[in-house]
All heavy atoms as atom14 arrays in JSON, in Angstrom:
{
  "sequence": "YAIHCMRRESHRVRFEIFFLLSMAGNFMLILAHDIPTFYSGFALMG",
  "atom14_mask": [
    [1, 1, 1, 1, 1, 1, 1, 1, 1, 1, 1, 1, 0, 0],
    [1, 1, 1, 1, 1, 0, 0, 0, 0, 0, 0, 0, 0, 0],
    [1, 1, 1, 1, 1, 1, 1, 1, 0, 0, 0, 0, 0, 0],
    [1, 1, 1, 1, 1, 1, 1, 1, 1, 1, 0, 0, 0, 0],
    [1, 1, 1, 1, 1, 1, 0, 0, 0, 0, 0, 0, 0, 0],
    [1, 1, 1, 1, 1, 1, 1, 1, 0, 0, 0, 0, 0, 0],
    [1, 1, 1, 1, 1, 1, 1, 1, 1, 1, 1, 0, 0, 0],
    [1, 1, 1, 1, 1, 1, 1, 1, 1, 1, 1, 0, 0, 0],
    [1, 1, 1, 1, 1, 1, 1, 1, 1, 0, 0, 0, 0, 0],
    [1, 1, 1, 1, 1, 1, 0, 0, 0, 0, 0, 0, 0, 0],
    [1, 1, 1, 1, 1, 1, 1, 1, 1, 1, 0, 0, 0, 0],
    [1, 1, 1, 1, 1, 1, 1, 1, 1, 1, 1, 0, 0, 0],
    [1, 1, 1, 1, 1, 1, 1, 0, 0, 0, 0, 0, 0, 0],
    [1, 1, 1, 1, 1, 1, 1, 1, 1, 1, 1, 0, 0, 0],
    [1, 1, 1, 1, 1, 1, 1, 1, 1, 1, 1, 0, 0, 0],
    [1, 1, 1, 1, 1, 1, 1, 1, 1, 0, 0, 0, 0, 0],
    [1, 1, 1, 1, 1, 1, 1, 1, 0, 0, 0, 0, 0, 0],
    [1, 1, 1, 1, 1, 1, 1, 1, 1, 1, 1, 0, 0, 0],
    [1, 1, 1, 1, 1, 1, 1, 1, 1, 1, 1, 0, 0, 0],
    [1, 1, 1, 1, 1, 1, 1, 1, 0, 0, 0, 0, 0, 0],
    [1, 1, 1, 1, 1, 1, 1, 1, 0, 0, 0, 0, 0, 0],
    [1, 1, 1, 1, 1, 1, 0, 0, 0, 0, 0, 0, 0, 0],
    [1, 1, 1, 1, 1, 1, 1, 1, 0, 0, 0, 0, 0, 0],
    [1, 1, 1, 1, 1, 0, 0, 0, 0, 0, 0, 0, 0, 0],
    [1, 1, 1, 1, 0, 0, 0, 0, 0, 0, 0, 0, 0, 0],
    [1, 1, 1, 1, 1, 1, 1, 1, 0, 0, 0, 0, 0, 0],
    [1, 1, 1, 1, 1, 1, 1, 1, 1, 1, 1, 0, 0, 0],
    [1, 1, 1, 1, 1, 1, 1, 1, 0, 0, 0, 0, 0, 0],
    [1, 1, 1, 1, 1, 1, 1, 1, 0, 0, 0, 0, 0, 0],
    [1, 1, 1, 1, 1, 1, 1, 1, 0, 0, 0, 0, 0, 0],
    [1, 1, 1, 1, 1, 1, 1, 1, 0, 0, 0, 0, 0, 0],
    [1, 1, 1, 1, 1, 0, 0, 0, 0, 0, 0, 0, 0, 0],
    [1, 1, 1, 1, 1, 1, 1, 1, 1, 1, 0, 0, 0, 0],
    [1, 1, 1, 1, 1, 1, 1, 1, 0, 0, 0, 0, 0, 0],
    [1, 1, 1, 1, 1, 1, 1, 1, 0, 0, 0, 0, 0, 0],
    [1, 1, 1, 1, 1, 1, 1, 0, 0, 0, 0, 0, 0, 0],
    [1, 1, 1, 1, 1, 1, 1, 0, 0, 0, 0, 0, 0, 0],
    [1, 1, 1, 1, 1, 1, 1, 1, 1, 1, 1, 0, 0, 0],
    [1, 1, 1, 1, 1, 1, 1, 1, 1, 1, 1, 1, 0, 0],
    [1, 1, 1, 1, 1, 1, 0, 0, 0, 0, 0, 0, 0, 0],
    [1, 1, 1, 1, 0, 0, 0, 0, 0, 0, 0, 0, 0, 0],
    [1, 1, 1, 1, 1, 1, 1, 1, 1, 1, 1, 0, 0, 0],
    [1, 1, 1, 1, 1, 0, 0, 0, 0, 0, 0, 0, 0, 0],
    [1, 1, 1, 1, 1, 1, 1, 1, 0, 0, 0, 0, 0, 0],
    [1, 1, 1, 1, 1, 1, 1, 1, 0, 0, 0, 0, 0, 0],
    [1, 1, 1, 1, 0, 0, 0, 0, 0, 0, 0, 0, 0, 0]
  ],
  "atom14_positions": [
    [[-86.25, 5.55, 42.97], [-86.56, 6.94, 42.68], [-87.96, 7.35, 43.36], [-88.18, 8.45, 43.91], [-86.74, 7.19, 41.26], [-87.08, 8.7, 40.83], [-86.19, 9.64, 41.11], [-88.31, 8.94, 40.26], [-86.49, 10.94, 40.89], [-88.64, 10.26, 39.96], [-87.71, 11.33, 40.24], [-88.05, 12.5, 39.84], [0.0, 0.0, 0.0], [0.0, 0.0, 0.0]],
    [[-88.89, 6.29, 43.41], [-90.3, 6.59, 44.04], [-90.14, 6.89, 45.44], [-90.79, 7.67, 45.95], [-91.13, 5.38, 43.77], [0.0, 0.0, 0.0], [0.0, 0.0, 0.0], [0.0, 0.0, 0.0], [0.0, 0.0, 0.0], [0.0, 0.0, 0.0], [0.0, 0.0, 0.0], [0.0, 0.0, 0.0], [0.0, 0.0, 0.0], [0.0, 0.0, 0.0]],
    [[-89.18, 6.1, 46.16], [-89.06, 6.36, 47.55], [-88.65, 7.81, 48.0], [-89.13, 8.28, 48.91], [-87.95, 5.36, 48.13], [-88.43, 3.88, 47.94], [-87.65, 5.7, 49.56], [-89.63, 3.46, 48.75], [0.0, 0.0, 0.0], [0.0, 0.0, 0.0], [0.0, 0.0, 0.0], [0.0, 0.0, 0.0], [0.0, 0.0, 0.0], [0.0, 0.0, 0.0]],
    [[-87.81, 8.41, 47.04], [-87.33, 9.72, 47.32], [-88.37, 10.78, 46.77], [-88.68, 11.75, 47.59], [-86.04, 9.96, 46.73], [-84.9, 9.0, 47.32], [-84.41, 9.21, 48.56], [-84.29, 7.97, 46.76], [-83.45, 8.33, 48.69], [-83.44, 7.5, 47.73], [0.0, 0.0, 0.0], [0.0, 0.0, 0.0], [0.0, 0.0, 0.0], [0.0, 0.0, 0.0]],
    [[-88.83, 10.6, 45.59], [-89.69, 11.75, 45.0], [-91.13, 11.67, 45.57], [-91.79, 12.7, 45.52], [-89.71, 11.57, 43.48], [-90.82, 10.27, 42.74], [0.0, 0.0, 0.0], [0.0, 0.0, 0.0], [0.0, 0.0, 0.0], [0.0, 0.0, 0.0], [0.0, 0.0, 0.0], [0.0, 0.0, 0.0], [0.0, 0.0, 0.0], [0.0, 0.0, 0.0]],
    [[-91.57, 10.65, 46.18], [-92.82, 10.46, 46.7], [-92.94, 10.73, 48.17], [-93.83, 10.57, 48.88], [-93.47, 9.14, 46.5], [-93.52, 8.68, 44.97], [-94.67, 9.79, 44.14], [-96.21, 9.27, 44.58], [0.0, 0.0, 0.0], [0.0, 0.0, 0.0], [0.0, 0.0, 0.0], [0.0, 0.0, 0.0], [0.0, 0.0, 0.0], [0.0, 0.0, 0.0]],
    [[-91.76, 11.22, 48.78], [-91.5, 11.19, 50.23], [-92.54, 12.19, 50.92], [-93.1, 11.96, 51.99], [-90.09, 11.71, 50.58], [-89.68, 11.68, 51.98], [-88.4, 12.13, 52.23], [-87.49, 10.99, 51.67], [-86.25, 11.14, 51.62], [-85.46, 12.31, 51.87], [-85.4, 10.24, 51.04], [0.0, 0.0, 0.0], [0.0, 0.0, 0.0], [0.0, 0.0, 0.0]],
    [[-92.86, 13.25, 50.06], [-93.77, 14.26, 50.8], [-95.24, 14.1, 50.32], [-96.15, 14.99, 50.58], [-93.3, 15.68, 50.47], [-91.85, 15.94, 51.06], [-91.45, 17.38, 50.75], [-90.1, 17.65, 51.19], [-89.44, 18.75, 50.97], [-89.94, 19.76, 50.31], [-88.19, 18.97, 51.67], [0.0, 0.0, 0.0], [0.0, 0.0, 0.0], [0.0, 0.0, 0.0]],
    [[-95.55, 13.08, 49.64], [-96.79, 12.72, 49.04], [-97.73, 12.31, 50.22], [-97.29, 11.58, 51.1], [-96.78, 11.75, 48.03], [-96.25, 12.13, 46.64], [-97.21, 12.93, 45.78], [-98.43, 12.84, 46.13], [-96.83, 13.59, 44.82], [0.0, 0.0, 0.0], [0.0, 0.0, 0.0], [0.0, 0.0, 0.0], [0.0, 0.0, 0.0], [0.0, 0.0, 0.0]],
    [[-98.93, 12.76, 50.34], [-99.9, 12.42, 51.25], [-100.38, 11.0, 51.24], [-100.72, 10.42, 52.18], [-101.13, 13.33, 51.22], [-101.82, 13.38, 50.12], [0.0, 0.0, 0.0], [0.0, 0.0, 0.0], [0.0, 0.0, 0.0], [0.0, 0.0, 0.0], [0.0, 0.0, 0.0], [0.0, 0.0, 0.0], [0.0, 0.0, 0.0], [0.0, 0.0, 0.0]],
    [[-100.46, 10.36, 50.03], [-100.86, 9.06, 49.74], [-99.73, 8.17, 49.36], [-99.93, 7.25, 48.39], [-101.97, 9.12, 48.83], [-103.3, 9.97, 49.22], [-103.98, 9.53, 50.4], [-103.81, 11.0, 48.65], [-104.91, 10.5, 50.48], [-104.8, 11.35, 49.52], [0.0, 0.0, 0.0], [0.0, 0.0, 0.0], [0.0, 0.0, 0.0], [0.0, 0.0, 0.0]],
    [[-98.54, 8.27, 49.9], [-97.45, 7.53, 49.4], [-97.56, 6.15, 49.63], [-97.05, 5.3, 48.91], [-96.14, 8.12, 49.85], [-95.88, 8.17, 51.32], [-94.69, 8.84, 51.68], [-94.49, 8.71, 53.17], [-93.2, 8.34, 53.7], [-92.16, 8.21, 52.83], [-92.97, 8.25, 54.97], [0.0, 0.0, 0.0], [0.0, 0.0, 0.0], [0.0, 0.0, 0.0]],
    [[-98.16, 5.76, 50.75], [-98.31, 4.34, 51.1], [-99.23, 3.71, 50.02], [-98.94, 2.59, 49.63], [-98.92, 4.22, 52.53], [-99.28, 2.74, 52.82], [-97.85, 4.72, 53.62], [0.0, 0.0, 0.0], [0.0, 0.0, 0.0], [0.0, 0.0, 0.0], [0.0, 0.0, 0.0], [0.0, 0.0, 0.0], [0.0, 0.0, 0.0], [0.0, 0.0, 0.0]],
    [[-100.27, 4.3, 49.7], [-101.17, 3.94, 48.68], [-100.47, 3.58, 47.36], [-100.59, 2.65, 46.67], [-102.36, 4.72, 48.49], [-103.5, 4.23, 47.47], [-104.56, 5.15, 47.32], [-104.01, 6.48, 46.65], [-104.68, 7.57, 46.48], [-105.9, 7.8, 47.19], [-104.17, 8.66, 46.05], [0.0, 0.0, 0.0], [0.0, 0.0, 0.0], [0.0, 0.0, 0.0]],
    [[-99.68, 4.6, 47.07], [-98.87, 4.48, 45.83], [-97.94, 3.28, 45.92], [-97.95, 2.54, 44.83], [-98.03, 5.63, 45.55], [-97.04, 5.68, 44.37], [-97.52, 5.99, 43.15], [-95.81, 5.32, 44.58], [-96.63, 5.86, 42.14], [-94.93, 5.17, 43.55], [-95.36, 5.43, 42.22], [0.0, 0.0, 0.0], [0.0, 0.0, 0.0], [0.0, 0.0, 0.0]],
    [[-97.34, 3.06, 46.94], [-96.25, 1.9, 47.07], [-96.98, 0.62, 46.97], [-96.53, -0.22, 46.31], [-95.57, 2.17, 48.36], [-94.38, 2.99, 48.32], [-93.26, 2.64, 47.28], [-93.06, 1.49, 47.05], [-92.74, 3.61, 46.73], [0.0, 0.0, 0.0], [0.0, 0.0, 0.0], [0.0, 0.0, 0.0], [0.0, 0.0, 0.0], [0.0, 0.0, 0.0]],
    [[-98.15, 0.44, 47.49], [-98.88, -0.7, 47.49], [-99.29, -1.16, 46.02], [-99.01, -2.19, 45.49], [-100.14, -0.71, 48.37], [-99.81, -0.58, 49.83], [-101.13, -1.88, 48.02], [-101.0, -0.47, 50.72], [0.0, 0.0, 0.0], [0.0, 0.0, 0.0], [0.0, 0.0, 0.0], [0.0, 0.0, 0.0], [0.0, 0.0, 0.0], [0.0, 0.0, 0.0]],
    [[-99.9, -0.16, 45.34], [-100.23, -0.36, 44.0], [-98.81, -0.59, 43.01], [-98.84, -1.46, 42.03], [-101.01, 0.83, 43.26], [-102.41, 0.84, 43.78], [-102.94, 1.98, 44.43], [-103.27, -0.28, 43.6], [-104.25, 1.86, 44.83], [-104.6, -0.3, 43.9], [-105.0, 0.88, 44.6], [0.0, 0.0, 0.0], [0.0, 0.0, 0.0], [0.0, 0.0, 0.0]],
    [[-97.86, 0.08, 43.34], [-96.63, -0.06, 42.66], [-96.04, -1.45, 42.85], [-95.71, -2.14, 41.81], [-95.59, 1.04, 43.23], [-94.31, 1.08, 42.52], [-94.25, 1.85, 41.26], [-93.16, 0.35, 42.75], [-92.95, 1.99, 40.57], [-91.93, 0.39, 42.03], [-91.96, 1.34, 40.94], [0.0, 0.0, 0.0], [0.0, 0.0, 0.0], [0.0, 0.0, 0.0]],
    [[-96.05, -2.01, 43.97], [-95.5, -3.32, 44.36], [-96.45, -4.46, 43.74], [-95.82, -5.46, 43.3], [-95.3, -3.45, 45.78], [-94.2, -2.7, 46.42], [-94.39, -2.68, 48.0], [-93.0, -3.34, 46.01], [0.0, 0.0, 0.0], [0.0, 0.0, 0.0], [0.0, 0.0, 0.0], [0.0, 0.0, 0.0], [0.0, 0.0, 0.0], [0.0, 0.0, 0.0]],
    [[-97.73, -4.27, 43.84], [-98.6, -5.26, 43.21], [-98.45, -5.26, 41.73], [-98.49, -6.43, 41.03], [-100.15, -4.89, 43.49], [-100.47, -5.11, 44.96], [-102.0, -4.6, 45.23], [-100.29, -6.46, 45.45], [0.0, 0.0, 0.0], [0.0, 0.0, 0.0], [0.0, 0.0, 0.0], [0.0, 0.0, 0.0], [0.0, 0.0, 0.0], [0.0, 0.0, 0.0]],
    [[-98.2, -4.15, 41.01], [-97.98, -4.12, 39.63], [-96.7, -4.83, 39.28], [-96.67, -5.59, 38.34], [-97.96, -2.61, 39.02], [-99.26, -1.99, 39.42], [0.0, 0.0, 0.0], [0.0, 0.0, 0.0], [0.0, 0.0, 0.0], [0.0, 0.0, 0.0], [0.0, 0.0, 0.0], [0.0, 0.0, 0.0], [0.0, 0.0, 0.0], [0.0, 0.0, 0.0]],
    [[-95.71, -4.65, 40.1], [-94.47, -5.23, 39.96], [-94.5, -6.76, 39.97], [-94.03, -7.6, 39.22], [-93.4, -4.82, 41.05], [-92.03, -5.45, 40.85], [-90.98, -4.96, 42.19], [-91.11, -3.28, 42.35], [0.0, 0.0, 0.0], [0.0, 0.0, 0.0], [0.0, 0.0, 0.0], [0.0, 0.0, 0.0], [0.0, 0.0, 0.0], [0.0, 0.0, 0.0]],
    [[-95.24, -7.33, 41.06], [-95.49, -8.63, 41.21], [-96.18, -9.36, 39.99], [-95.77, -10.35, 39.55], [-96.24, -9.01, 42.47], [0.0, 0.0, 0.0], [0.0, 0.0, 0.0], [0.0, 0.0, 0.0], [0.0, 0.0, 0.0], [0.0, 0.0, 0.0], [0.0, 0.0, 0.0], [0.0, 0.0, 0.0], [0.0, 0.0, 0.0], [0.0, 0.0, 0.0]],
    [[-97.24, -8.66, 39.56], [-97.9, -9.18, 38.32], [-97.0, -9.31, 37.13], [-97.09, -10.2, 36.35], [0.0, 0.0, 0.0], [0.0, 0.0, 0.0], [0.0, 0.0, 0.0], [0.0, 0.0, 0.0], [0.0, 0.0, 0.0], [0.0, 0.0, 0.0], [0.0, 0.0, 0.0], [0.0, 0.0, 0.0], [0.0, 0.0, 0.0], [0.0, 0.0, 0.0]],
    [[-96.24, -8.27, 37.02], [-95.32, -8.12, 35.78], [-94.38, -9.33, 35.78], [-94.15, -10.02, 34.9], [-94.67, -6.79, 35.79], [-93.98, -6.37, 34.49], [-93.31, -5.46, 34.35], [-94.24, -7.24, 33.53], [0.0, 0.0, 0.0], [0.0, 0.0, 0.0], [0.0, 0.0, 0.0], [0.0, 0.0, 0.0], [0.0, 0.0, 0.0], [0.0, 0.0, 0.0]],
    [[-93.74, -9.61, 36.89], [-92.73, -10.69, 37.07], [-93.49, -11.99, 36.84], [-92.93, -12.88, 36.34], [-92.06, -10.56, 38.49], [-91.14, -9.36, 38.52], [-90.75, -8.94, 39.79], [-90.64, -8.69, 37.41], [-89.77, -7.79, 39.93], [-89.83, -7.63, 37.56], [-89.35, -7.23, 38.87], [0.0, 0.0, 0.0], [0.0, 0.0, 0.0], [0.0, 0.0, 0.0]],
    [[-94.68, -12.13, 37.43], [-95.31, -13.39, 37.36], [-95.6, -13.8, 35.89], [-95.43, -14.91, 35.47], [-96.73, -13.28, 38.23], [-97.45, -14.64, 38.16], [-98.96, -14.54, 38.96], [-98.64, -13.87, 40.62], [0.0, 0.0, 0.0], [0.0, 0.0, 0.0], [0.0, 0.0, 0.0], [0.0, 0.0, 0.0], [0.0, 0.0, 0.0], [0.0, 0.0, 0.0]],
    [[-96.26, -12.82, 35.1], [-96.49, -13.17, 33.77], [-95.28, -13.4, 32.82], [-95.38, -14.22, 31.95], [-97.37, -12.02, 33.19], [-96.75, -10.61, 32.72], [-96.16, -10.6, 31.34], [-97.68, -9.46, 32.94], [0.0, 0.0, 0.0], [0.0, 0.0, 0.0], [0.0, 0.0, 0.0], [0.0, 0.0, 0.0], [0.0, 0.0, 0.0], [0.0, 0.0, 0.0]],
    [[-94.12, -12.81, 33.26], [-92.93, -13.05, 32.54], [-92.43, -14.55, 32.7], [-91.94, -15.14, 31.82], [-91.8, -11.97, 32.89], [-92.14, -10.7, 32.29], [-90.47, -12.39, 32.39], [-91.22, -9.58, 32.82], [0.0, 0.0, 0.0], [0.0, 0.0, 0.0], [0.0, 0.0, 0.0], [0.0, 0.0, 0.0], [0.0, 0.0, 0.0], [0.0, 0.0, 0.0]],
    [[-92.58, -14.94, 33.92], [-92.11, -16.22, 34.37], [-93.1, -17.35, 34.17], [-92.79, -18.55, 34.39], [-91.59, -16.27, 35.76], [-90.35, -15.45, 35.96], [-90.06, -15.23, 37.47], [-89.1, -15.86, 35.33], [0.0, 0.0, 0.0], [0.0, 0.0, 0.0], [0.0, 0.0, 0.0], [0.0, 0.0, 0.0], [0.0, 0.0, 0.0], [0.0, 0.0, 0.0]],
    [[-94.31, -17.05, 33.89], [-95.43, -17.98, 33.83], [-95.08, -19.1, 32.81], [-94.64, -18.83, 31.7], [-96.73, -17.27, 33.52], [0.0, 0.0, 0.0], [0.0, 0.0, 0.0], [0.0, 0.0, 0.0], [0.0, 0.0, 0.0], [0.0, 0.0, 0.0], [0.0, 0.0, 0.0], [0.0, 0.0, 0.0], [0.0, 0.0, 0.0], [0.0, 0.0, 0.0]],
    [[-95.49, -20.3, 33.23], [-95.24, -21.58, 32.39], [-96.56, -22.07, 31.86], [-96.63, -22.75, 30.87], [-94.57, -22.67, 33.3], [-94.18, -23.83, 32.43], [-93.43, -23.83, 31.42], [-94.59, -25.19, 32.66], [-93.31, -24.97, 30.87], [-94.11, -25.94, 31.63], [0.0, 0.0, 0.0], [0.0, 0.0, 0.0], [0.0, 0.0, 0.0], [0.0, 0.0, 0.0]],
    [[-97.65, -21.69, 32.46], [-99.05, -22.12, 32.11], [-99.95, -20.92, 31.89], [-99.61, -19.74, 32.33], [-99.6, -23.15, 33.07], [-99.8, -22.65, 34.37], [-99.29, -21.45, 34.7], [-100.35, -23.4, 35.3], [0.0, 0.0, 0.0], [0.0, 0.0, 0.0], [0.0, 0.0, 0.0], [0.0, 0.0, 0.0], [0.0, 0.0, 0.0], [0.0, 0.0, 0.0]],
    [[-101.06, -21.16, 31.36], [-101.95, -20.1, 30.97], [-102.6, -19.48, 32.17], [-102.66, -18.3, 32.39], [-103.18, -20.68, 30.08], [-102.57, -20.85, 28.64], [-104.24, -19.6, 29.87], [-103.48, -21.45, 27.62], [0.0, 0.0, 0.0], [0.0, 0.0, 0.0], [0.0, 0.0, 0.0], [0.0, 0.0, 0.0], [0.0, 0.0, 0.0], [0.0, 0.0, 0.0]],
    [[-102.99, -20.19, 33.28], [-103.64, -19.7, 34.41], [-102.67, -18.61, 35.09], [-103.09, -17.72, 35.59], [-103.96, -20.87, 35.29], [-104.2, -21.96, 34.32], [-103.23, -21.68, 33.28], [0.0, 0.0, 0.0], [0.0, 0.0, 0.0], [0.0, 0.0, 0.0], [0.0, 0.0, 0.0], [0.0, 0.0, 0.0], [0.0, 0.0, 0.0], [0.0, 0.0, 0.0]],
    [[-101.38, -19.13, 35.27], [-100.42, -18.27, 35.9], [-100.25, -17.0, 35.13], [-100.06, -15.84, 35.74], [-99.11, -19.05, 36.13], [-99.3, -20.32, 36.82], [-98.14, -18.16, 36.96], [0.0, 0.0, 0.0], [0.0, 0.0, 0.0], [0.0, 0.0, 0.0], [0.0, 0.0, 0.0], [0.0, 0.0, 0.0], [0.0, 0.0, 0.0], [0.0, 0.0, 0.0]],
    [[-100.03, -17.04, 33.79], [-99.84, -15.93, 32.95], [-101.05, -14.9, 33.1], [-100.81, -13.78, 33.26], [-99.67, -16.35, 31.51], [-99.38, -15.25, 30.58], [-98.11, -14.85, 30.31], [-100.46, -14.49, 30.16], [-97.85, -13.8, 29.39], [-100.26, -13.39, 29.2], [-98.91, -13.02, 28.84], [0.0, 0.0, 0.0], [0.0, 0.0, 0.0], [0.0, 0.0, 0.0]],
    [[-102.18, -15.62, 33.02], [-103.4, -14.67, 33.16], [-103.49, -13.97, 34.4], [-103.94, -12.82, 34.56], [-104.75, -15.44, 32.81], [-106.0, -14.67, 32.86], [-106.18, -13.94, 31.42], [-106.82, -14.5, 33.86], [-107.37, -13.08, 31.45], [-107.94, -13.81, 33.67], [-108.15, -13.05, 32.56], [-109.34, -12.27, 32.45], [0.0, 0.0, 0.0], [0.0, 0.0, 0.0]],
    [[-103.21, -14.62, 35.63], [-103.33, -14.09, 36.97], [-102.37, -12.89, 36.94], [-102.66, -11.86, 37.53], [-102.94, -15.21, 37.92], [-103.88, -16.19, 37.87], [0.0, 0.0, 0.0], [0.0, 0.0, 0.0], [0.0, 0.0, 0.0], [0.0, 0.0, 0.0], [0.0, 0.0, 0.0], [0.0, 0.0, 0.0], [0.0, 0.0, 0.0], [0.0, 0.0, 0.0]],
    [[-101.12, -13.05, 36.54], [-100.1, -11.98, 36.56], [-100.56, -10.88, 35.75], [-100.43, -9.79, 36.07], [0.0, 0.0, 0.0], [0.0, 0.0, 0.0], [0.0, 0.0, 0.0], [0.0, 0.0, 0.0], [0.0, 0.0, 0.0], [0.0, 0.0, 0.0], [0.0, 0.0, 0.0], [0.0, 0.0, 0.0], [0.0, 0.0, 0.0], [0.0, 0.0, 0.0]],
    [[-101.06, -11.18, 34.59], [-101.37, -10.05, 33.73], [-102.62, -9.37, 34.21], [-102.7, -7.99, 34.22], [-101.87, -10.69, 32.24], [-101.9, -9.71, 31.09], [-100.71, -9.48, 30.32], [-103.09, -8.97, 30.71], [-100.84, -8.71, 29.26], [-103.0, -8.16, 29.72], [-101.97, -7.94, 28.96], [0.0, 0.0, 0.0], [0.0, 0.0, 0.0], [0.0, 0.0, 0.0]],
    [[-103.53, -9.99, 34.84], [-104.72, -9.33, 35.42], [-104.26, -8.48, 36.67], [-104.71, -7.34, 36.9], [-105.81, -10.3, 35.79], [0.0, 0.0, 0.0], [0.0, 0.0, 0.0], [0.0, 0.0, 0.0], [0.0, 0.0, 0.0], [0.0, 0.0, 0.0], [0.0, 0.0, 0.0], [0.0, 0.0, 0.0], [0.0, 0.0, 0.0], [0.0, 0.0, 0.0]],
    [[-103.46, -9.14, 37.48], [-102.98, -8.27, 38.64], [-102.15, -7.08, 38.18], [-102.46, -6.0, 38.78], [-101.96, -9.18, 39.49], [-101.32, -8.48, 40.67], [-102.36, -8.08, 41.72], [-100.36, -9.6, 41.41], [0.0, 0.0, 0.0], [0.0, 0.0, 0.0], [0.0, 0.0, 0.0], [0.0, 0.0, 0.0], [0.0, 0.0, 0.0], [0.0, 0.0, 0.0]],
    [[-101.25, -7.09, 37.25], [-100.59, -5.95, 36.8], [-101.59, -4.98, 36.3], [-101.41, -3.76, 36.51], [-99.52, -6.34, 35.73], [-98.69, -5.19, 35.21], [-97.76, -5.74, 33.67], [-99.01, -5.85, 32.51], [0.0, 0.0, 0.0], [0.0, 0.0, 0.0], [0.0, 0.0, 0.0], [0.0, 0.0, 0.0], [0.0, 0.0, 0.0], [0.0, 0.0, 0.0]],
    [[-102.44, -5.4, 35.36], [-103.28, -4.46, 34.55], [-104.3, -3.67, 35.65], [-104.41, -2.42, 35.44], [0.0, 0.0, 0.0], [0.0, 0.0, 0.0], [0.0, 0.0, 0.0], [0.0, 0.0, 0.0], [0.0, 0.0, 0.0], [0.0, 0.0, 0.0], [0.0, 0.0, 0.0], [0.0, 0.0, 0.0], [0.0, 0.0, 0.0], [0.0, 0.0, 0.0]]
  ]
}
């Protein structure tokens, strides 16, 4: 949905970068097996 609704946004690249980084952090903390990995994902997402 973001690809289509943000098409005419002037800062859509910036949005996508933050969107993807938040996604990576979210997935990392879900799959984390140890505390440092969980905290890294949680901080990246936040």
